[in-house]
Amino acid sequence: MATGLAAAPAGAAPTWVAPAFTLAEVTVGHRPGTPDNAPILGVLRPGVLVAAGHHRNGVLLAPVTADLVVSELAGEPAEHAFGPERFAAAPAEALS
């Protein structure tokens, strides 16, 4: 039994419209990472705490990430090299 497009009746119109632009690059990932392959841990702005970008090391880094997040939420942030500010001074071309 045919499935998907093979099962569509002959002459059926597509249900999507081709985009009017050309894609330069497409990336898809279920494991979000950062340009320097290290996670982002810290305050982005007041009231917004981020702990993301662990890529494939999320499970391995969960305990230390939890410790850093808890210390931040307790108002006693620990020193570390994973703050979001490390990208603030980088030129855009260095991050691509």
Protein backbone atom coordinates (compact mmCIF):
# COMPACT_ATOMS: atom_id res chain seq x y z
CA MET A 1 0.00 0.00 0.00
CA ALA A 2 1.40 3.39 -0.98
CA THR A 3 1.90 6.05 1.68
CA GLY A 4 2.83 9.73 1.76
CA LEU A 5 3.13 11.46 -1.60
CA ALA A 6 2.86 8.16 -3.44
CA ALA A 7 -0.68 7.79 -2.06
CA ALA A 8 -1.81 11.23 -3.32
CA PRO A 9 -4.33 11.16 -6.13
CA ALA A 10 -2.92 11.89 -9.58
CA GLY A 11 -3.04 15.63 -10.31
CA ALA A 12 -3.42 16.62 -6.65
CA ALA A 13 -2.19 20.14 -5.94
CA PRO A 14 0.59 20.57 -3.37
CA THR A 15 -0.50 22.00 -0.03
CA TRP A 16 2.60 24.18 0.30
CA VAL A 17 4.06 27.07 -1.63
CA ALA A 18 7.76 27.19 -2.51
CA PRO A 19 9.58 30.02 -0.72
CA ALA A 20 10.41 33.14 -2.73
CA PHE A 21 13.99 33.13 -1.47
CA THR A 22 17.05 30.91 -1.64
CA LEU A 23 18.37 29.41 1.57
CA ALA A 24 22.10 29.90 2.10
CA GLU A 25 22.33 27.30 4.84
CA VAL A 26 20.05 25.13 6.91
CA THR A 27 21.03 23.53 10.18
CA VAL A 28 18.85 21.44 12.41
CA GLY A 29 19.86 20.13 15.77
CA HIS A 30 18.11 18.54 18.67
CA ARG A 31 21.17 19.30 20.76
CA PRO A 32 21.62 23.08 20.80
CA GLY A 33 25.21 24.20 21.06
CA THR A 34 27.17 27.43 21.05
CA PRO A 35 29.89 28.70 18.71
CA ASP A 36 32.59 27.85 21.26
CA ASN A 37 31.00 24.48 22.21
CA ALA A 38 30.58 25.50 25.85
CA PRO A 39 27.21 26.01 27.53
CA ILE A 40 25.76 29.41 28.37
CA LEU A 41 25.06 29.78 32.08
CA GLY A 42 24.06 33.04 33.69
CA VAL A 43 21.80 36.05 33.75
CA LEU A 44 20.86 37.52 30.38
CA ARG A 45 19.00 40.41 31.97
CA PRO A 46 17.21 40.86 35.30
CA GLY A 47 14.68 38.06 35.71
CA VAL A 48 16.09 35.91 32.87
CA LEU A 49 18.51 33.14 33.78
CA VAL A 50 19.80 30.89 31.01
CA ALA A 51 21.32 27.42 31.22
CA ALA A 52 21.51 26.16 27.64
CA GLY A 53 23.80 25.13 24.82
CA HIS A 54 25.21 21.97 26.39
CA HIS A 55 25.06 20.13 23.04
CA ARG A 56 25.59 16.41 23.62
CA ASN A 57 26.95 16.94 27.15
CA GLY A 58 23.70 17.96 28.83
CA VAL A 59 23.40 14.85 30.97
CA LEU A 60 27.06 14.93 31.90
CA LEU A 61 27.01 18.61 32.83
CA ALA A 62 23.63 18.55 34.61
CA PRO A 63 25.05 18.38 38.17
CA VAL A 64 27.48 21.29 37.75
CA THR A 65 24.85 23.27 35.81
CA ALA A 66 22.38 22.74 38.64
CA ASP A 67 24.94 23.93 41.19
CA LEU A 68 25.64 27.09 39.19
CA VAL A 69 21.94 27.83 38.65
CA VAL A 70 21.14 27.31 42.34
CA SER A 71 23.99 29.60 43.41
CA GLU A 72 22.77 32.26 40.96
CA LEU A 73 19.19 32.00 42.21
CA ALA A 74 20.41 32.20 45.81
CA GLY A 75 22.09 35.51 45.03
CA GLU A 76 25.58 34.06 45.43
CA PRO A 77 26.80 33.57 41.85
CA ALA A 78 29.90 31.42 41.48
CA GLU A 79 32.73 32.45 39.17
CA HIS A 80 32.85 30.48 35.93
CA ALA A 81 33.77 30.93 32.28
CA PHE A 82 30.34 30.12 30.80
CA GLY A 83 28.52 33.45 31.15
CA PRO A 84 26.58 34.88 28.20
CA GLU A 85 28.74 38.02 28.32
CA ARG A 86 31.59 36.14 26.63
CA PHE A 87 29.79 36.64 23.31
CA ALA A 88 29.10 40.36 23.80
CA ALA A 89 32.51 41.56 22.60
CA ALA A 90 32.92 39.02 19.80
CA PRO A 91 32.48 40.27 16.24
CA ALA A 92 29.54 38.68 14.44
CA GLU A 93 31.74 36.93 11.87
CA ALA A 94 33.62 35.13 14.66
CA LEU A 95 30.37 33.55 15.86
CA SER A 96 29.31 32.13 12.51
